[in-house]
Amino acid sequence: MVPHIQALYPKVTANQIHAAWSDMSEVLWKQNHDQLLSAQTLLAELGNDVDIFNIKVADGVQQVCWGMKKILGHLKGKVVEIGIDATCMFY
């Protein structure tokens, strides 16, 4: 997307395009100011496309675990584990 926009507006930076896209698309994915609740709400809206896993949580940790069914079908038997780890500080 960046090259297409910069072809029309050469002075616009990739960071500006990313910031604008994030701001404009936020209404599609941000369900709540609490990031964990927002993610859980969005995943619940995806219904049969996503499995939400109930995994034991360590003390002091907040987490949400899910699998995307359409992707999983293509990877079955080929991948042992996929993990994404994101950490942040809550004040």
PDB file of N, CA and C in Angstrom:
ATOM      1  N   MET A   1       0.827  -1.178   0.000  1.00  0.00           N
ATOM      2  CA  MET A   1       0.000   0.000   0.000  1.00  0.00           C
ATOM      3  C   MET A   1       0.879   1.252   0.000  1.00  0.00           C
ATOM      4  N   VAL A   2       1.995   1.215   0.742  1.00  0.00           N
ATOM      5  CA  VAL A   2       2.862   2.390   0.832  1.00  0.00           C
ATOM      6  C   VAL A   2       3.339   2.862  -0.542  1.00  0.00           C
ATOM      7  N   PRO A   3       3.863   1.967  -1.399  1.00  0.00           N
ATOM      8  CA  PRO A   3       4.331   2.443  -2.706  1.00  0.00           C
ATOM      9  C   PRO A   3       3.232   3.102  -3.549  1.00  0.00           C
ATOM     10  N   HIS A   4       2.024   2.576  -3.453  1.00  0.00           N
ATOM     11  CA  HIS A   4       0.911   3.138  -4.231  1.00  0.00           C
ATOM     12  C   HIS A   4       0.564   4.552  -3.754  1.00  0.00           C
ATOM     13  N   ILE A   5       0.535   4.729  -2.445  1.00  0.00           N
ATOM     14  CA  ILE A   5       0.217   6.061  -1.900  1.00  0.00           C
ATOM     15  C   ILE A   5       1.356   7.028  -2.176  1.00  0.00           C
ATOM     16  N   GLN A   6       2.604   6.553  -1.993  1.00  0.00           N
ATOM     17  CA  GLN A   6       3.739   7.440  -2.242  1.00  0.00           C
ATOM     18  C   GLN A   6       3.888   7.801  -3.720  1.00  0.00           C
ATOM     19  N   ALA A   7       3.383   6.970  -4.608  1.00  0.00           N
ATOM     20  CA  ALA A   7       3.409   7.317  -6.031  1.00  0.00           C
ATOM     21  C   ALA A   7       2.522   8.537  -6.299  1.00  0.00           C
ATOM     22  N   LEU A   8       1.437   8.639  -5.554  1.00  0.00           N
ATOM     23  CA  LEU A   8       0.535   9.787  -5.701  1.00  0.00           C
ATOM     24  C   LEU A   8       0.969  10.981  -4.858  1.00  0.00           C
ATOM     25  N   TYR A   9       1.544  10.680  -3.684  1.00  0.00           N
ATOM     26  CA  TYR A   9       1.942  11.720  -2.728  1.00  0.00           C
ATOM     27  C   TYR A   9       3.363  11.421  -2.249  1.00  0.00           C
ATOM     28  N   PRO A  10       4.370  11.792  -3.011  1.00  0.00           N
ATOM     29  CA  PRO A  10       5.763  11.414  -2.715  1.00  0.00           C
ATOM     30  C   PRO A  10       6.300  11.904  -1.374  1.00  0.00           C
ATOM     31  N   LYS A  11       5.743  12.959  -0.827  1.00  0.00           N
ATOM     32  CA  LYS A  11       6.273  13.510   0.433  1.00  0.00           C
ATOM     33  C   LYS A  11       5.726  12.799   1.671  1.00  0.00           C
ATOM     34  N   VAL A  12       4.773  11.904   1.491  1.00  0.00           N
ATOM     35  CA  VAL A  12       4.187  11.173   2.617  1.00  0.00           C
ATOM     36  C   VAL A  12       5.107  10.010   2.974  1.00  0.00           C
ATOM     37  N   THR A  13       5.432   9.877   4.274  1.00  0.00           N
ATOM     38  CA  THR A  13       6.331   8.809   4.711  1.00  0.00           C
ATOM     39  C   THR A  13       5.560   7.521   5.011  1.00  0.00           C
ATOM     40  N   ALA A  14       6.285   6.420   5.057  1.00  0.00           N
ATOM     41  CA  ALA A  14       5.679   5.131   5.408  1.00  0.00           C
ATOM     42  C   ALA A  14       5.086   5.182   6.811  1.00  0.00           C
ATOM     43  N   ASN A  15       5.753   5.868   7.728  1.00  0.00           N
ATOM     44  CA  ASN A  15       5.230   5.987   9.096  1.00  0.00           C
ATOM     45  C   ASN A  15       3.913   6.758   9.130  1.00  0.00           C
ATOM     46  N   GLN A  16       3.803   7.788   8.312  1.00  0.00           N
ATOM     47  CA  GLN A  16       2.552   8.550   8.249  1.00  0.00           C
ATOM     48  C   GLN A  16       1.418   7.695   7.689  1.00  0.00           C
ATOM     49  N   ILE A  17       1.725   6.904   6.691  1.00  0.00           N
ATOM     50  CA  ILE A  17       0.709   6.014   6.098  1.00  0.00           C
ATOM     51  C   ILE A  17       0.269   4.979   7.117  1.00  0.00           C
ATOM     52  N   HIS A  18       1.224   4.388   7.821  1.00  0.00           N
ATOM     53  CA  HIS A  18       0.893   3.392   8.852  1.00  0.00           C
ATOM     54  C   HIS A  18       0.026   4.013   9.946  1.00  0.00           C
ATOM     55  N   ALA A  19       0.399   5.207  10.412  1.00  0.00           N
ATOM     56  CA  ALA A  19      -0.378   5.865  11.467  1.00  0.00           C
ATOM     57  C   ALA A  19      -1.802   6.163  11.002  1.00  0.00           C
ATOM     58  N   ALA A  20      -1.935   6.646   9.773  1.00  0.00           N
ATOM     59  CA  ALA A  20      -3.267   6.949   9.245  1.00  0.00           C
ATOM     60  C   ALA A  20      -4.109   5.686   9.112  1.00  0.00           C
ATOM     61  N   TRP A  21      -3.501   4.616   8.600  1.00  0.00           N
ATOM     62  CA  TRP A  21      -4.223   3.353   8.446  1.00  0.00           C
ATOM     63  C   TRP A  21      -4.655   2.805   9.803  1.00  0.00           C
ATOM     64  N   SER A  22      -3.768   2.880  10.787  1.00  0.00           N
ATOM     65  CA  SER A  22      -4.106   2.404  12.131  1.00  0.00           C
ATOM     66  C   SER A  22      -5.275   3.187  12.704  1.00  0.00           C
ATOM     67  N   ASP A  23      -5.220   4.508  12.573  1.00  0.00           N
ATOM     68  CA  ASP A  23      -6.307   5.342  13.098  1.00  0.00           C
ATOM     69  C   ASP A  23      -7.633   5.056  12.401  1.00  0.00           C
ATOM     70  N   MET A  24      -7.602   4.941  11.089  1.00  0.00           N
ATOM     71  CA  MET A  24      -8.846   4.740  10.337  1.00  0.00           C
ATOM     72  C   MET A  24      -9.433   3.342  10.536  1.00  0.00           C
ATOM     73  N   SER A  25      -8.570   2.337  10.707  1.00  0.00           N
ATOM     74  CA  SER A  25      -9.080   0.965  10.821  1.00  0.00           C
ATOM     75  C   SER A  25      -9.407   0.566  12.258  1.00  0.00           C
ATOM     76  N   GLU A  26      -9.062   1.409  13.223  1.00  0.00           N
ATOM     77  CA  GLU A  26      -9.284   1.080  14.631  1.00  0.00           C
ATOM     78  C   GLU A  26     -10.738   0.724  14.929  1.00  0.00           C
ATOM     79  N   VAL A  27     -11.669   1.353  14.248  1.00  0.00           N
ATOM     80  CA  VAL A  27     -13.089   1.080  14.493  1.00  0.00           C
ATOM     81  C   VAL A  27     -13.453  -0.360  14.148  1.00  0.00           C
ATOM     82  N   LEU A  28     -12.652  -1.014  13.310  1.00  0.00           N
ATOM     83  CA  LEU A  28     -12.931  -2.397  12.914  1.00  0.00           C
ATOM     84  C   LEU A  28     -12.491  -3.414  13.964  1.00  0.00           C
ATOM     85  N   TRP A  29     -11.477  -3.066  14.768  1.00  0.00           N
ATOM     86  CA  TRP A  29     -10.931  -4.072  15.681  1.00  0.00           C
ATOM     87  C   TRP A  29     -10.892  -3.658  17.142  1.00  0.00           C
ATOM     88  N   LYS A  30     -10.920  -2.390  17.457  1.00  0.00           N
ATOM     89  CA  LYS A  30     -10.841  -1.982  18.858  1.00  0.00           C
ATOM     90  C   LYS A  30     -12.232  -1.988  19.474  1.00  0.00           C
ATOM     91  N   GLN A  31     -12.465  -2.932  20.354  1.00  0.00           N
ATOM     92  CA  GLN A  31     -13.784  -3.112  20.962  1.00  0.00           C
ATOM     93  C   GLN A  31     -13.887  -2.464  22.346  1.00  0.00           C
ATOM     94  N   ASN A  32     -12.725  -2.226  22.992  1.00  0.00           N
ATOM     95  CA  ASN A  32     -12.709  -1.731  24.364  1.00  0.00           C
ATOM     96  C   ASN A  32     -11.340  -1.116  24.619  1.00  0.00           C
ATOM     97  N   HIS A  33     -11.245  -0.199  25.569  1.00  0.00           N
ATOM     98  CA  HIS A  33      -9.940   0.388  25.904  1.00  0.00           C
ATOM     99  C   HIS A  33      -9.036  -0.639  26.583  1.00  0.00           C
ATOM    100  N   ASP A  34      -9.602  -1.607  27.280  1.00  0.00           N
ATOM    101  CA  ASP A  34      -8.837  -2.708  27.877  1.00  0.00           C
ATOM    102  C   ASP A  34      -8.450  -3.659  26.752  1.00  0.00           C
ATOM    103  N   GLN A  35      -7.148  -3.773  26.476  1.00  0.00           N
ATOM    104  CA  GLN A  35      -6.682  -4.551  25.329  1.00  0.00           C
ATOM    105  C   GLN A  35      -7.097  -6.014  25.390  1.00  0.00           C
ATOM    106  N   LEU A  36      -7.021  -6.621  26.563  1.00  0.00           N
ATOM    107  CA  LEU A  36      -7.386  -8.030  26.700  1.00  0.00           C
ATOM    108  C   LEU A  36      -8.878  -8.231  26.455  1.00  0.00           C
ATOM    109  N   LEU A  37      -9.695  -7.402  27.056  1.00  0.00           N
ATOM    110  CA  LEU A  37     -11.144  -7.486  26.848  1.00  0.00           C
ATOM    111  C   LEU A  37     -11.494  -7.209  25.386  1.00  0.00           C
ATOM    112  N   SER A  38     -10.806  -6.269  24.775  1.00  0.00           N
ATOM    113  CA  SER A  38     -11.029  -5.953  23.370  1.00  0.00           C
ATOM    114  C   SER A  38     -10.739  -7.173  22.492  1.00  0.00           C
ATOM    115  N   ALA A  39      -9.618  -7.834  22.741  1.00  0.00           N
ATOM    116  CA  ALA A  39      -9.252  -9.023  21.959  1.00  0.00           C
ATOM    117  C   ALA A  39     -10.263 -10.147  22.166  1.00  0.00           C
ATOM    118  N   GLN A  40     -10.668 -10.375  23.411  1.00  0.00           N
ATOM    119  CA  GLN A  40     -11.639 -11.439  23.698  1.00  0.00           C
ATOM    120  C   GLN A  40     -12.976 -11.154  23.015  1.00  0.00           C
ATOM    121  N   THR A  41     -13.416  -9.919  23.022  1.00  0.00           N
ATOM    122  CA  THR A  41     -14.678  -9.540  22.387  1.00  0.00           C
ATOM    123  C   THR A  41     -14.608  -9.752  20.884  1.00  0.00           C
ATOM    124  N   LEU A  42     -13.520  -9.304  20.267  1.00  0.00           N
ATOM    125  CA  LEU A  42     -13.361  -9.466  18.824  1.00  0.00           C
ATOM    126  C   LEU A  42     -13.320 -10.943  18.443  1.00  0.00           C
ATOM    127  N   LEU A  43     -12.570 -11.735  19.191  1.00  0.00           N
ATOM    128  CA  LEU A  43     -12.493 -13.174  18.901  1.00  0.00           C
ATOM    129  C   LEU A  43     -13.859 -13.844  19.042  1.00  0.00           C
ATOM    130  N   ALA A  44     -14.620 -13.455  20.059  1.00  0.00           N
ATOM    131  CA  ALA A  44     -15.951 -14.031  20.261  1.00  0.00           C
ATOM    132  C   ALA A  44     -16.871 -13.701  19.083  1.00  0.00           C
ATOM    133  N   GLU A  45     -16.685 -12.542  18.474  1.00  0.00           N
ATOM    134  CA  GLU A  45     -17.505 -12.148  17.325  1.00  0.00           C
ATOM    135  C   GLU A  45     -17.196 -12.984  16.080  1.00  0.00           C
ATOM    136  N   LEU A  46     -16.027 -13.606  16.048  1.00  0.00           N
ATOM    137  CA  LEU A  46     -15.630 -14.384  14.872  1.00  0.00           C
ATOM    138  C   LEU A  46     -16.259 -15.772  14.833  1.00  0.00           C
ATOM    139  N   GLY A  47     -16.962 -16.129  15.909  1.00  0.00           N
ATOM    140  CA  GLY A  47     -17.754 -17.357  15.934  1.00  0.00           C
ATOM    141  C   GLY A  47     -17.025 -18.608  15.513  1.00  0.00           C
ATOM    142  N   ASN A  48     -17.481 -19.238  14.435  1.00  0.00           N
ATOM    143  CA  ASN A  48     -16.956 -20.531  14.012  1.00  0.00           C
ATOM    144  C   ASN A  48     -15.599 -20.464  13.322  1.00  0.00           C
ATOM    145  N   ASP A  49     -15.063 -19.270  13.095  1.00  0.00           N
ATOM    146  CA  ASP A  49     -13.757 -19.145  12.449  1.00  0.00           C
ATOM    147  C   ASP A  49     -12.603 -19.273  13.428  1.00  0.00           C
ATOM    148  N   VAL A  50     -12.894 -19.154  14.730  1.00  0.00           N
ATOM    149  CA  VAL A  50     -11.851 -19.127  15.751  1.00  0.00           C
ATOM    150  C   VAL A  50     -12.218 -20.048  16.905  1.00  0.00           C
ATOM    151  N   ASP A  51     -11.223 -20.781  17.400  1.00  0.00           N
ATOM    152  CA  ASP A  51     -11.369 -21.518  18.655  1.00  0.00           C
ATOM    153  C   ASP A  51     -10.668 -20.724  19.744  1.00  0.00           C
ATOM    154  N   ILE A  52     -11.351 -20.451  20.840  1.00  0.00           N
ATOM    155  CA  ILE A  52     -10.738 -19.794  21.987  1.00  0.00           C
ATOM    156  C   ILE A  52     -10.407 -20.885  22.994  1.00  0.00           C
ATOM    157  N   PHE A  53      -9.127 -20.969  23.372  1.00  0.00           N
ATOM    158  CA  PHE A  53      -8.658 -22.038  24.250  1.00  0.00           C
ATOM    159  C   PHE A  53      -8.639 -21.560  25.696  1.00  0.00           C
ATOM    160  N   ASN A  54      -9.098 -22.425  26.578  1.00  0.00           N
ATOM    161  CA  ASN A  54      -9.082 -22.152  28.007  1.00  0.00           C
ATOM    162  C   ASN A  54      -7.810 -22.790  28.577  1.00  0.00           C
ATOM    163  N   ILE A  55      -6.762 -22.012  28.698  1.00  0.00           N
ATOM    164  CA  ILE A  55      -5.458 -22.484  29.144  1.00  0.00           C
ATOM    165  C   ILE A  55      -5.202 -21.960  30.555  1.00  0.00           C
ATOM    166  N   LYS A  56      -4.619 -22.802  31.417  1.00  0.00           N
ATOM    167  CA  LYS A  56      -4.301 -22.393  32.778  1.00  0.00           C
ATOM    168  C   LYS A  56      -3.378 -21.180  32.744  1.00  0.00           C
ATOM    169  N   VAL A  57      -3.693 -20.203  33.574  1.00  0.00           N
ATOM    170  CA  VAL A  57      -2.953 -18.951  33.610  1.00  0.00           C
ATOM    171  C   VAL A  57      -2.081 -18.899  34.856  1.00  0.00           C
ATOM    172  N   ALA A  58      -0.820 -18.541  34.680  1.00  0.00           N
ATOM    173  CA  ALA A  58       0.088 -18.391  35.818  1.00  0.00           C
ATOM    174  C   ALA A  58      -0.316 -17.172  36.639  1.00  0.00           C
ATOM    175  N   ASP A  59       0.009 -17.186  37.923  1.00  0.00           N
ATOM    176  CA  ASP A  59      -0.302 -16.058  38.787  1.00  0.00           C
ATOM    177  C   ASP A  59       0.307 -14.776  38.233  1.00  0.00           C
ATOM    178  N   GLY A  60      -0.487 -13.715  38.225  1.00  0.00           N
ATOM    179  CA  GLY A  60      -0.016 -12.418  37.774  1.00  0.00           C
ATOM    180  C   GLY A  60       0.015 -12.242  36.269  1.00  0.00           C
ATOM    181  N   VAL A  61      -0.499 -13.226  35.533  1.00  0.00           N
ATOM    182  CA  VAL A  61      -0.478 -13.165  34.075  1.00  0.00           C
ATOM    183  C   VAL A  61      -1.907 -13.073  33.558  1.00  0.00           C
ATOM    184  N   GLN A  62      -2.102 -12.258  32.542  1.00  0.00           N
ATOM    185  CA  GLN A  62      -3.373 -12.207  31.834  1.00  0.00           C
ATOM    186  C   GLN A  62      -3.098 -12.684  30.424  1.00  0.00           C
ATOM    187  N   GLN A  63      -3.961 -13.527  29.899  1.00  0.00           N
ATOM    188  CA  GLN A  63      -3.699 -14.049  28.559  1.00  0.00           C
ATOM    189  C   GLN A  63      -4.990 -14.403  27.851  1.00  0.00           C
ATOM    190  N   VAL A  64      -4.876 -14.480  26.545  1.00  0.00           N
ATOM    191  CA  VAL A  64      -5.955 -15.003  25.708  1.00  0.00           C
ATOM    192  C   VAL A  64      -5.279 -15.906  24.678  1.00  0.00           C
ATOM    193  N   CYS A  65      -5.834 -17.076  24.472  1.00  0.00           N
ATOM    194  CA  CYS A  65      -5.261 -18.048  23.539  1.00  0.00           C
ATOM    195  C   CYS A  65      -6.333 -18.450  22.535  1.00  0.00           C
ATOM    196  N   TRP A  66      -5.940 -18.473  21.258  1.00  0.00           N
ATOM    197  CA  TRP A  66      -6.913 -18.820  20.228  1.00  0.00           C
ATOM    198  C   TRP A  66      -6.240 -19.469  19.047  1.00  0.00           C
ATOM    199  N   GLY A  67      -7.052 -20.145  18.245  1.00  0.00           N
ATOM    200  CA  GLY A  67      -6.588 -20.746  17.002  1.00  0.00           C
ATOM    201  C   GLY A  67      -7.540 -20.372  15.886  1.00  0.00           C
ATOM    202  N   MET A  68      -6.986 -20.135  14.716  1.00  0.00           N
ATOM    203  CA  MET A  68      -7.803 -19.769  13.556  1.00  0.00           C
ATOM    204  C   MET A  68      -8.006 -21.014  12.703  1.00  0.00           C
ATOM    205  N   LYS A  69      -9.243 -21.458  12.615  1.00  0.00           N
ATOM    206  CA  LYS A  69      -9.562 -22.747  12.008  1.00  0.00           C
ATOM    207  C   LYS A  69      -9.131 -22.867  10.548  1.00  0.00           C
ATOM    208  N   LYS A  70      -9.320 -21.832   9.749  1.00  0.00           N
ATOM    209  CA  LYS A  70      -8.969 -21.920   8.328  1.00  0.00           C
ATOM    210  C   LYS A  70      -7.465 -22.096   8.140  1.00  0.00           C
ATOM    211  N   ILE A  71      -6.682 -21.439   8.955  1.00  0.00           N
ATOM    212  CA  ILE A  71      -5.222 -21.566   8.875  1.00  0.00           C
ATOM    213  C   ILE A  71      -4.793 -22.930   9.387  1.00  0.00           C
ATOM    214  N   LEU A  72      -5.376 -23.359  10.488  1.00  0.00           N
ATOM    215  CA  LEU A  72      -5.010 -24.630  11.088  1.00  0.00           C
ATOM    216  C   LEU A  72      -5.209 -25.794  10.125  1.00  0.00           C
ATOM    217  N   GLY A  73      -6.266 -25.774   9.363  1.00  0.00           N
ATOM    218  CA  GLY A  73      -6.529 -26.859   8.418  1.00  0.00           C
ATOM    219  C   GLY A  73      -5.400 -27.044   7.418  1.00  0.00           C
ATOM    220  N   HIS A  74      -4.809 -25.946   6.966  1.00  0.00           N
ATOM    221  CA  HIS A  74      -3.713 -26.017   5.992  1.00  0.00           C
ATOM    222  C   HIS A  74      -2.399 -26.466   6.634  1.00  0.00           C
ATOM    223  N   LEU A  75      -2.260 -26.243   7.934  1.00  0.00           N
ATOM    224  CA  LEU A  75      -1.007 -26.559   8.615  1.00  0.00           C
ATOM    225  C   LEU A  75      -1.022 -27.910   9.326  1.00  0.00           C
ATOM    226  N   LYS A  76      -2.177 -28.556   9.368  1.00  0.00           N
ATOM    227  CA  LYS A  76      -2.313 -29.811  10.091  1.00  0.00           C
ATOM    228  C   LYS A  76      -1.292 -30.836   9.600  1.00  0.00           C
ATOM    229  N   GLY A  77      -0.547 -31.385  10.550  1.00  0.00           N
ATOM    230  CA  GLY A  77       0.459 -32.388  10.236  1.00  0.00           C
ATOM    231  C   GLY A  77       1.794 -31.817   9.786  1.00  0.00           C
ATOM    232  N   LYS A  78       1.865 -30.502   9.599  1.00  0.00           N
ATOM    233  CA  LYS A  78       3.090 -29.863   9.125  1.00  0.00           C
ATOM    234  C   LYS A  78       3.784 -29.037  10.207  1.00  0.00           C
ATOM    235  N   VAL A  79       3.026 -28.583  11.198  1.00  0.00           N
ATOM    236  CA  VAL A  79       3.557 -27.688  12.217  1.00  0.00           C
ATOM    237  C   VAL A  79       3.314 -28.291  13.589  1.00  0.00           C
ATOM    238  N   VAL A  80       4.325 -28.238  14.433  1.00  0.00           N
ATOM    239  CA  VAL A  80       4.189 -28.765  15.782  1.00  0.00           C
ATOM    240  C   VAL A  80       3.590 -27.708  16.708  1.00  0.00           C
ATOM    241  N   GLU A  81       4.089 -26.479  16.614  1.00  0.00           N
ATOM    242  CA  GLU A  81       3.609 -25.439  17.513  1.00  0.00           C
ATOM    243  C   GLU A  81       3.806 -24.074  16.875  1.00  0.00           C
ATOM    244  N   ILE A  82       2.832 -23.219  17.067  1.00  0.00           N
ATOM    245  CA  ILE A  82       2.946 -21.818  16.658  1.00  0.00           C
ATOM    246  C   ILE A  82       2.659 -21.002  17.900  1.00  0.00           C
ATOM    247  N   GLY A  83       3.496 -20.042  18.187  1.00  0.00           N
ATOM    248  CA  GLY A  83       3.281 -19.204  19.356  1.00  0.00           C
ATOM    249  C   GLY A  83       3.561 -17.761  19.054  1.00  0.00           C
ATOM    250  N   ILE A  84       2.779 -16.903  19.623  1.00  0.00           N
ATOM    251  CA  ILE A  84       3.000 -15.475  19.550  1.00  0.00           C
ATOM    252  C   ILE A  84       2.995 -14.994  20.982  1.00  0.00           C
ATOM    253  N   ASP A  85       3.990 -14.224  21.317  1.00  0.00           N
ATOM    254  CA  ASP A  85       4.097 -13.710  22.687  1.00  0.00           C
ATOM    255  C   ASP A  85       4.152 -12.198  22.622  1.00  0.00           C
ATOM    256  N   ALA A  86       3.224 -11.571  23.252  1.00  0.00           N
ATOM    257  CA  ALA A  86       3.232 -10.113  23.333  1.00  0.00           C
ATOM    258  C   ALA A  86       3.135  -9.748  24.804  1.00  0.00           C
ATOM    259  N   THR A  87       3.985  -8.864  25.225  1.00  0.00           N
ATOM    260  CA  THR A  87       3.952  -8.442  26.621  1.00  0.00           C
ATOM    261  C   THR A  87       3.793  -6.930  26.676  1.00  0.00           C
ATOM    262  N   CYS A  88       3.184  -6.486  27.751  1.00  0.00           N
ATOM    263  CA  CYS A  88       3.055  -5.049  27.958  1.00  0.00           C
ATOM    264  C   CYS A  88       2.866  -4.792  29.436  1.00  0.00           C
ATOM    265  N   MET A  89       3.046  -3.564  29.810  1.00  0.00           N
ATOM    266  CA  MET A  89       2.873  -3.156  31.210  1.00  0.00           C
ATOM    267  C   MET A  89       1.513  -2.508  31.372  1.00  0.00           C
ATOM    268  N   PHE A  90       0.788  -2.929  32.362  1.00  0.00           N
ATOM    269  CA  PHE A  90      -0.476  -2.277  32.707  1.00  0.00           C
ATOM    270  C   PHE A  90      -0.240  -1.465  33.955  1.00  0.00           C
ATOM    271  N   TYR A  91      -0.685  -0.242  33.930  1.00  0.00           N
ATOM    272  CA  TYR A  91      -0.482   0.631  35.098  1.00  0.00           C
ATOM    273  C   TYR A  91      -1.758   0.830  35.837  1.00  0.00           C
TER     274      TYR A  91
END
